[in-house]
């Protein structure tokens, strides 16, 4: 994963996580009237954001992004499609 893509992934993961946490808190504790689907939707947003944050950033293994990995992907593509090399 390139550094730019990693930053974009971080921004989206934090946005989903933050919005989901805020909406869940707001709906459950501050809202006068709420429905079950609202809580489920905000909790789902929180869960997706947390999972994305964990998988792409916290649980990421060293060497899974950057020029070295890009080169190996290029080599794999050339092996798959030697005609286009």
PDB file of N, CA and C in Angstrom:
ATOM      1  N   UNK A   1       0.849  -1.165   0.000  1.00  0.00           N
ATOM      2  CA  UNK A   1       0.000   0.000   0.000  1.00  0.00           C
ATOM      3  C   UNK A   1       0.898   1.232   0.000  1.00  0.00           C
ATOM      4  N   UNK A   2       0.622   2.155  -0.881  1.00  0.00           N
ATOM      5  CA  UNK A   2       1.431   3.364  -0.978  1.00  0.00           C
ATOM      6  C   UNK A   2       1.135   4.284   0.210  1.00  0.00           C
ATOM      7  N   UNK A   3       2.060   5.184   0.509  1.00  0.00           N
ATOM      8  CA  UNK A   3       1.834   6.103   1.636  1.00  0.00           C
ATOM      9  C   UNK A   3       0.597   6.983   1.466  1.00  0.00           C
ATOM     10  N   UNK A   4       0.308   7.408   0.246  1.00  0.00           N
ATOM     11  CA  UNK A   4      -0.874   8.238   0.020  1.00  0.00           C
ATOM     12  C   UNK A   4      -2.148   7.431   0.277  1.00  0.00           C
ATOM     13  N   UNK A   5      -2.162   6.213  -0.215  1.00  0.00           N
ATOM     14  CA  UNK A   5      -3.326   5.364   0.016  1.00  0.00           C
ATOM     15  C   UNK A   5      -3.477   5.043   1.495  1.00  0.00           C
ATOM     16  N   UNK A   6      -2.365   4.901   2.182  1.00  0.00           N
ATOM     17  CA  UNK A   6      -2.403   4.633   3.616  1.00  0.00           C
ATOM     18  C   UNK A   6      -3.013   5.814   4.375  1.00  0.00           C
ATOM     19  N   UNK A   7      -2.665   7.044   3.971  1.00  0.00           N
ATOM     20  CA  UNK A   7      -3.227   8.235   4.615  1.00  0.00           C
ATOM     21  C   UNK A   7      -4.727   8.341   4.323  1.00  0.00           C
ATOM     22  N   UNK A   8      -5.116   8.077   3.079  1.00  0.00           N
ATOM     23  CA  UNK A   8      -6.533   8.114   2.720  1.00  0.00           C
ATOM     24  C   UNK A   8      -7.307   7.067   3.509  1.00  0.00           C
ATOM     25  N   UNK A   9      -6.727   5.894   3.654  1.00  0.00           N
ATOM     26  CA  UNK A   9      -7.362   4.841   4.435  1.00  0.00           C
ATOM     27  C   UNK A   9      -7.509   5.253   5.894  1.00  0.00           C
ATOM     28  N   UNK A  10      -6.487   5.905   6.433  1.00  0.00           N
ATOM     29  CA  UNK A  10      -6.554   6.385   7.818  1.00  0.00           C
ATOM     30  C   UNK A  10      -7.665   7.414   7.977  1.00  0.00           C
ATOM     31  N   UNK A  11      -7.775   8.337   7.034  1.00  0.00           N
ATOM     32  CA  UNK A  11      -8.803   9.377   7.119  1.00  0.00           C
ATOM     33  C   UNK A  11     -10.196   8.758   7.085  1.00  0.00           C
ATOM     34  N   UNK A  12     -10.446   7.843   6.165  1.00  0.00           N
ATOM     35  CA  UNK A  12     -11.762   7.213   6.078  1.00  0.00           C
ATOM     36  C   UNK A  12     -12.059   6.347   7.302  1.00  0.00           C
ATOM     37  N   UNK A  13     -11.078   5.602   7.767  1.00  0.00           N
ATOM     38  CA  UNK A  13     -11.290   4.753   8.943  1.00  0.00           C
ATOM     39  C   UNK A  13     -11.596   5.604  10.168  1.00  0.00           C
ATOM     40  N   UNK A  14     -10.843   6.684  10.365  1.00  0.00           N
ATOM     41  CA  UNK A  14     -11.108   7.553  11.516  1.00  0.00           C
ATOM     42  C   UNK A  14     -12.441   8.282  11.383  1.00  0.00           C
ATOM     43  N   UNK A  15     -12.816   8.658  10.155  1.00  0.00           N
ATOM     44  CA  UNK A  15     -14.106   9.319   9.949  1.00  0.00           C
ATOM     45  C   UNK A  15     -15.255   8.370  10.285  1.00  0.00           C
ATOM     46  N   UNK A  16     -15.193   7.148   9.792  1.00  0.00           N
ATOM     47  CA  UNK A  16     -16.246   6.172  10.104  1.00  0.00           C
ATOM     48  C   UNK A  16     -16.299   5.883  11.602  1.00  0.00           C
ATOM     49  N   UNK A  17     -15.139   5.677  12.194  1.00  0.00           N
ATOM     50  CA  UNK A  17     -15.076   5.360  13.621  1.00  0.00           C
ATOM     51  C   UNK A  17     -15.587   6.531  14.463  1.00  0.00           C
ATOM     52  N   UNK A  18     -15.118   7.735  14.152  1.00  0.00           N
ATOM     53  CA  UNK A  18     -15.523   8.903  14.924  1.00  0.00           C
ATOM     54  C   UNK A  18     -16.998   9.227  14.780  1.00  0.00           C
ATOM     55  N   UNK A  19     -17.495   9.223  13.552  1.00  0.00           N
ATOM     56  CA  UNK A  19     -18.915   9.499  13.331  1.00  0.00           C
ATOM     57  C   UNK A  19     -19.798   8.422  13.952  1.00  0.00           C
ATOM     58  N   UNK A  20     -19.380   7.181  13.819  1.00  0.00           N
ATOM     59  CA  UNK A  20     -20.156   6.099  14.423  1.00  0.00           C
ATOM     60  C   UNK A  20     -20.192   6.195  15.937  1.00  0.00           C
ATOM     61  N   UNK A  21     -19.062   6.517  16.551  1.00  0.00           N
ATOM     62  CA  UNK A  21     -19.017   6.663  18.010  1.00  0.00           C
ATOM     63  C   UNK A  21     -19.868   7.843  18.466  1.00  0.00           C
ATOM     64  N   UNK A  22     -19.739   8.975  17.765  1.00  0.00           N
ATOM     65  CA  UNK A  22     -20.517  10.149  18.134  1.00  0.00           C
ATOM     66  C   UNK A  22     -22.015   9.887  17.981  1.00  0.00           C
ATOM     67  N   UNK A  23     -22.413   9.333  16.840  1.00  0.00           N
ATOM     68  CA  UNK A  23     -23.834   9.091  16.614  1.00  0.00           C
ATOM     69  C   UNK A  23     -24.402   8.073  17.601  1.00  0.00           C
ATOM     70  N   UNK A  24     -23.662   7.027  17.884  1.00  0.00           N
ATOM     71  CA  UNK A  24     -24.140   6.034  18.851  1.00  0.00           C
ATOM     72  C   UNK A  24     -24.329   6.674  20.217  1.00  0.00           C
ATOM     73  N   UNK A  25     -23.337   7.436  20.662  1.00  0.00           N
ATOM     74  CA  UNK A  25     -23.440   8.117  21.956  1.00  0.00           C
ATOM     75  C   UNK A  25     -24.608   9.101  21.966  1.00  0.00           C
ATOM     76  N   UNK A  26     -24.708   9.885  20.909  1.00  0.00           N
ATOM     77  CA  UNK A  26     -25.761  10.899  20.840  1.00  0.00           C
ATOM     78  C   UNK A  26     -27.146  10.265  20.814  1.00  0.00           C
ATOM     79  N   UNK A  27     -27.322   9.233  20.022  1.00  0.00           N
ATOM     80  CA  UNK A  27     -28.637   8.605  19.900  1.00  0.00           C
ATOM     81  C   UNK A  27     -29.040   7.918  21.203  1.00  0.00           C
ATOM     82  N   UNK A  28     -28.099   7.218  21.821  1.00  0.00           N
ATOM     83  CA  UNK A  28     -28.454   6.445  23.011  1.00  0.00           C
ATOM     84  C   UNK A  28     -28.628   7.343  24.241  1.00  0.00           C
ATOM     85  N   UNK A  29     -27.738   8.311  24.427  1.00  0.00           N
ATOM     86  CA  UNK A  29     -27.754   9.068  25.674  1.00  0.00           C
ATOM     87  C   UNK A  29     -28.390  10.451  25.592  1.00  0.00           C
ATOM     88  N   UNK A  30     -28.365  11.115  24.470  1.00  0.00           N
ATOM     89  CA  UNK A  30     -28.821  12.499  24.402  1.00  0.00           C
ATOM     90  C   UNK A  30     -30.128  12.692  23.652  1.00  0.00           C
ATOM     91  N   UNK A  31     -30.497  11.753  22.808  1.00  0.00           N
ATOM     92  CA  UNK A  31     -31.692  11.912  21.999  1.00  0.00           C
ATOM     93  C   UNK A  31     -32.938  11.559  22.819  1.00  0.00           C
ATOM     94  N   UNK A  32     -34.005  12.328  22.596  1.00  0.00           N
ATOM     95  CA  UNK A  32     -35.245  12.065  23.329  1.00  0.00           C
ATOM     96  C   UNK A  32     -35.995  10.855  22.777  1.00  0.00           C
ATOM     97  N   UNK A  33     -35.998  10.741  21.467  1.00  0.00           N
ATOM     98  CA  UNK A  33     -36.687   9.611  20.863  1.00  0.00           C
ATOM     99  C   UNK A  33     -35.827   8.990  19.781  1.00  0.00           C
ATOM    100  N   UNK A  34     -35.644   7.696  19.835  1.00  0.00           N
ATOM    101  CA  UNK A  34     -34.847   7.029  18.827  1.00  0.00           C
ATOM    102  C   UNK A  34     -35.447   5.660  18.544  1.00  0.00           C
ATOM    103  N   UNK A  35     -35.079   5.142  17.424  1.00  0.00           N
ATOM    104  CA  UNK A  35     -35.562   3.831  16.997  1.00  0.00           C
ATOM    105  C   UNK A  35     -34.387   2.850  16.963  1.00  0.00           C
ATOM    106  N   UNK A  36     -34.690   1.585  16.903  1.00  0.00           N
ATOM    107  CA  UNK A  36     -33.660   0.556  16.901  1.00  0.00           C
ATOM    108  C   UNK A  36     -32.770   0.604  15.671  1.00  0.00           C
ATOM    109  N   UNK A  37     -33.342   0.956  14.526  1.00  0.00           N
ATOM    110  CA  UNK A  37     -32.555   0.986  13.293  1.00  0.00           C
ATOM    111  C   UNK A  37     -31.511   2.091  13.346  1.00  0.00           C
ATOM    112  N   UNK A  38     -31.794   3.178  14.075  1.00  0.00           N
ATOM    113  CA  UNK A  38     -30.813   4.252  14.195  1.00  0.00           C
ATOM    114  C   UNK A  38     -29.594   3.786  14.987  1.00  0.00           C
ATOM    115  N   UNK A  39     -29.845   3.086  16.065  1.00  0.00           N
ATOM    116  CA  UNK A  39     -28.746   2.566  16.885  1.00  0.00           C
ATOM    117  C   UNK A  39     -27.968   1.519  16.112  1.00  0.00           C
ATOM    118  N   UNK A  40     -28.679   0.653  15.394  1.00  0.00           N
ATOM    119  CA  UNK A  40     -27.994  -0.385  14.623  1.00  0.00           C
ATOM    120  C   UNK A  40     -27.140   0.218  13.512  1.00  0.00           C
ATOM    121  N   UNK A  41     -27.645   1.247  12.838  1.00  0.00           N
ATOM    122  CA  UNK A  41     -26.882   1.876  11.761  1.00  0.00           C
ATOM    123  C   UNK A  41     -25.642   2.573  12.298  1.00  0.00           C
ATOM    124  N   UNK A  42     -25.779   3.294  13.407  1.00  0.00           N
ATOM    125  CA  UNK A  42     -24.612   3.989  13.957  1.00  0.00           C
ATOM    126  C   UNK A  42     -23.613   2.990  14.544  1.00  0.00           C
ATOM    127  N   UNK A  43     -24.102   1.919  15.154  1.00  0.00           N
ATOM    128  CA  UNK A  43     -23.199   0.894  15.677  1.00  0.00           C
ATOM    129  C   UNK A  43     -22.488   0.157  14.542  1.00  0.00           C
ATOM    130  N   UNK A  44     -23.180  -0.055  13.434  1.00  0.00           N
ATOM    131  CA  UNK A  44     -22.549  -0.678  12.274  1.00  0.00           C
ATOM    132  C   UNK A  44     -21.463   0.223  11.706  1.00  0.00           C
ATOM    133  N   UNK A  45     -21.727   1.528  11.645  1.00  0.00           N
ATOM    134  CA  UNK A  45     -20.716   2.471  11.180  1.00  0.00           C
ATOM    135  C   UNK A  45     -19.501   2.451  12.110  1.00  0.00           C
ATOM    136  N   UNK A  46     -19.733   2.415  13.404  1.00  0.00           N
ATOM    137  CA  UNK A  46     -18.656   2.336  14.386  1.00  0.00           C
ATOM    138  C   UNK A  46     -17.862   1.054  14.216  1.00  0.00           C
ATOM    139  N   UNK A  47     -18.539  -0.053  14.021  1.00  0.00           N
ATOM    140  CA  UNK A  47     -17.871  -1.349  13.866  1.00  0.00           C
ATOM    141  C   UNK A  47     -17.046  -1.405  12.588  1.00  0.00           C
ATOM    142  N   UNK A  48     -17.589  -0.928  11.489  1.00  0.00           N
ATOM    143  CA  UNK A  48     -16.848  -0.930  10.225  1.00  0.00           C
ATOM    144  C   UNK A  48     -15.616  -0.040  10.331  1.00  0.00           C
ATOM    145  N   UNK A  49     -15.753   1.134  10.938  1.00  0.00           N
ATOM    146  CA  UNK A  49     -14.614   2.018  11.126  1.00  0.00           C
ATOM    147  C   UNK A  49     -13.540   1.399  12.010  1.00  0.00           C
ATOM    148  N   UNK A  50     -13.957   0.757  13.087  1.00  0.00           N
ATOM    149  CA  UNK A  50     -12.997   0.121  13.985  1.00  0.00           C
ATOM    150  C   UNK A  50     -12.280  -1.039  13.298  1.00  0.00           C
ATOM    151  N   UNK A  51     -13.032  -1.833  12.529  1.00  0.00           N
ATOM    152  CA  UNK A  51     -12.422  -2.962  11.826  1.00  0.00           C
ATOM    153  C   UNK A  51     -11.438  -2.471  10.767  1.00  0.00           C
ATOM    154  N   UNK A  52     -11.822  -1.456  10.018  1.00  0.00           N
ATOM    155  CA  UNK A  52     -10.961  -0.895   8.984  1.00  0.00           C
ATOM    156  C   UNK A  52      -9.693  -0.319   9.606  1.00  0.00           C
ATOM    157  N   UNK A  53      -9.851   0.398  10.709  1.00  0.00           N
ATOM    158  CA  UNK A  53      -8.705   0.962  11.408  1.00  0.00           C
ATOM    159  C   UNK A  53      -7.777  -0.141  11.900  1.00  0.00           C
ATOM    160  N   UNK A  54      -8.338  -1.204  12.447  1.00  0.00           N
ATOM    161  CA  UNK A  54      -7.531  -2.303  12.965  1.00  0.00           C
ATOM    162  C   UNK A  54      -6.800  -3.038  11.844  1.00  0.00           C
ATOM    163  N   UNK A  55      -7.513  -3.393  10.796  1.00  0.00           N
ATOM    164  CA  UNK A  55      -6.908  -4.200   9.732  1.00  0.00           C
ATOM    165  C   UNK A  55      -5.855  -3.441   8.924  1.00  0.00           C
ATOM    166  N   UNK A  56      -6.133  -2.202   8.572  1.00  0.00           N
ATOM    167  CA  UNK A  56      -5.217  -1.470   7.703  1.00  0.00           C
ATOM    168  C   UNK A  56      -4.065  -0.808   8.447  1.00  0.00           C
ATOM    169  N   UNK A  57      -4.257  -0.457   9.710  1.00  0.00           N
ATOM    170  CA  UNK A  57      -3.241   0.334  10.378  1.00  0.00           C
ATOM    171  C   UNK A  57      -2.656  -0.334  11.620  1.00  0.00           C
ATOM    172  N   UNK A  58      -3.482  -0.871  12.471  1.00  0.00           N
ATOM    173  CA  UNK A  58      -2.969  -1.436  13.720  1.00  0.00           C
ATOM    174  C   UNK A  58      -2.381  -2.823  13.497  1.00  0.00           C
ATOM    175  N   UNK A  59      -3.050  -3.639  12.723  1.00  0.00           N
ATOM    176  CA  UNK A  59      -2.616  -5.018  12.493  1.00  0.00           C
ATOM    177  C   UNK A  59      -1.745  -5.157  11.249  1.00  0.00           C
ATOM    178  N   UNK A  60      -1.354  -4.046  10.635  1.00  0.00           N
ATOM    179  CA  UNK A  60      -0.576  -4.104   9.397  1.00  0.00           C
ATOM    180  C   UNK A  60       0.810  -4.682   9.668  1.00  0.00           C
ATOM    181  N   UNK A  61       1.250  -5.536   8.784  1.00  0.00           N
ATOM    182  CA  UNK A  61       2.569  -6.146   8.919  1.00  0.00           C
ATOM    183  C   UNK A  61       3.607  -5.278   8.215  1.00  0.00           C
ATOM    184  N   UNK A  62       4.831  -5.247   8.735  1.00  0.00           N
ATOM    185  CA  UNK A  62       5.864  -4.455   8.073  1.00  0.00           C
ATOM    186  C   UNK A  62       6.136  -4.976   6.662  1.00  0.00           C
ATOM    187  N   UNK A  63       6.381  -4.058   5.761  1.00  0.00           N
ATOM    188  CA  UNK A  63       6.700  -4.441   4.391  1.00  0.00           C
ATOM    189  C   UNK A  63       5.503  -4.703   3.513  1.00  0.00           C
ATOM    190  N   UNK A  64       4.296  -4.413   4.006  1.00  0.00           N
ATOM    191  CA  UNK A  64       3.112  -4.638   3.173  1.00  0.00           C
ATOM    192  C   UNK A  64       2.758  -3.432   2.336  1.00  0.00           C
ATOM    193  N   UNK A  65       3.516  -2.356   2.428  1.00  0.00           N
ATOM    194  CA  UNK A  65       3.277  -1.186   1.598  1.00  0.00           C
ATOM    195  C   UNK A  65       4.619  -0.558   1.269  1.00  0.00           C
ATOM    196  N   UNK A  66       4.626   0.227   0.240  1.00  0.00           N
ATOM    197  CA  UNK A  66       5.850   0.912  -0.148  1.00  0.00           C
ATOM    198  C   UNK A  66       6.399   0.405  -1.463  1.00  0.00           C
ATOM    199  N   UNK A  67       7.552   0.950  -1.881  1.00  0.00           N
ATOM    200  CA  UNK A  67       8.119   0.625  -3.190  1.00  0.00           C
ATOM    201  C   UNK A  67       8.472  -0.841  -3.359  1.00  0.00           C
ATOM    202  N   UNK A  68       8.947  -1.485  -2.290  1.00  0.00           N
ATOM    203  CA  UNK A  68       9.344  -2.881  -2.414  1.00  0.00           C
ATOM    204  C   UNK A  68       8.148  -3.750  -2.810  1.00  0.00           C
ATOM    205  N   UNK A  69       7.042  -3.543  -2.153  1.00  0.00           N
ATOM    206  CA  UNK A  69       5.849  -4.311  -2.456  1.00  0.00           C
ATOM    207  C   UNK A  69       5.318  -3.964  -3.845  1.00  0.00           C
ATOM    208  N   UNK A  70       5.412  -2.704  -4.246  1.00  0.00           N
ATOM    209  CA  UNK A  70       4.954  -2.306  -5.584  1.00  0.00           C
ATOM    210  C   UNK A  70       5.773  -3.006  -6.658  1.00  0.00           C
ATOM    211  N   UNK A  71       7.064  -3.127  -6.411  1.00  0.00           N
ATOM    212  CA  UNK A  71       7.917  -3.806  -7.381  1.00  0.00           C
ATOM    213  C   UNK A  71       7.544  -5.283  -7.474  1.00  0.00           C
ATOM    214  N   UNK A  72       7.307  -5.911  -6.350  1.00  0.00           N
ATOM    215  CA  UNK A  72       6.949  -7.327  -6.389  1.00  0.00           C
ATOM    216  C   UNK A  72       5.612  -7.536  -7.085  1.00  0.00           C
ATOM    217  N   UNK A  73       4.670  -6.593  -6.916  1.00  0.00           N
ATOM    218  CA  UNK A  73       3.397  -6.702  -7.627  1.00  0.00           C
ATOM    219  C   UNK A  73       3.597  -6.561  -9.126  1.00  0.00           C
ATOM    220  N   UNK A  74       4.517  -5.674  -9.529  1.00  0.00           N
ATOM    221  CA  UNK A  74       4.803  -5.505 -10.945  1.00  0.00           C
ATOM    222  C   UNK A  74       5.397  -6.777 -11.523  1.00  0.00           C
ATOM    223  N   UNK A  75       6.297  -7.384 -10.774  1.00  0.00           N
ATOM    224  CA  UNK A  75       6.899  -8.645 -11.223  1.00  0.00           C
ATOM    225  C   UNK A  75       5.832  -9.717 -11.336  1.00  0.00           C
ATOM    226  N   UNK A  76       4.906  -9.769 -10.382  1.00  0.00           N
ATOM    227  CA  UNK A  76       3.842 -10.762 -10.455  1.00  0.00           C
ATOM    228  C   UNK A  76       2.951 -10.510 -11.672  1.00  0.00           C
ATOM    229  N   UNK A  77       2.661  -9.248 -11.958  1.00  0.00           N
ATOM    230  CA  UNK A  77       1.829  -8.930 -13.119  1.00  0.00           C
ATOM    231  C   UNK A  77       2.535  -9.318 -14.407  1.00  0.00           C
ATOM    232  N   UNK A  78       3.855  -9.115 -14.468  1.00  0.00           N
ATOM    233  CA  UNK A  78       4.603  -9.486 -15.665  1.00  0.00           C
ATOM    234  C   UNK A  78       4.601 -11.001 -15.833  1.00  0.00           C
ATOM    235  N   UNK A  79       4.682 -11.732 -14.729  1.00  0.00           N
ATOM    236  CA  UNK A  79       4.623 -13.187 -14.824  1.00  0.00           C
ATOM    237  C   UNK A  79       3.247 -13.667 -15.303  1.00  0.00           C
ATOM    238  N   UNK A  80       2.197 -12.952 -14.875  1.00  0.00           N
ATOM    239  CA  UNK A  80       0.851 -13.346 -15.294  1.00  0.00           C
ATOM    240  C   UNK A  80       0.586 -12.989 -16.753  1.00  0.00           C
ATOM    241  N   UNK A  81       1.111 -11.831 -17.169  1.00  0.00           N
ATOM    242  CA  UNK A  81       0.874 -11.343 -18.518  1.00  0.00           C
ATOM    243  C   UNK A  81       2.201 -11.043 -19.222  1.00  0.00           C
ATOM    244  N   UNK A  82       2.945 -12.056 -19.618  1.00  0.00           N
ATOM    245  CA  UNK A  82       4.266 -11.796 -20.197  1.00  0.00           C
ATOM    246  C   UNK A  82       4.189 -11.077 -21.534  1.00  0.00           C
ATOM    247  N   UNK A  83       3.075 -11.149 -22.205  1.00  0.00           N
ATOM    248  CA  UNK A  83       2.946 -10.506 -23.497  1.00  0.00           C
ATOM    249  C   UNK A  83       3.041  -8.983 -23.393  1.00  0.00           C
ATOM    250  N   UNK A  84       2.579  -8.437 -22.271  1.00  0.00           N
ATOM    251  CA  UNK A  84       2.551  -6.998 -22.099  1.00  0.00           C
ATOM    252  C   UNK A  84       3.806  -6.441 -21.443  1.00  0.00           C
ATOM    253  N   UNK A  85       4.779  -7.238 -21.193  1.00  0.00           N
ATOM    254  CA  UNK A  85       6.001  -6.773 -20.502  1.00  0.00           C
ATOM    255  C   UNK A  85       6.884  -5.962 -21.426  1.00  0.00           C
TER     256      UNK A  85
END
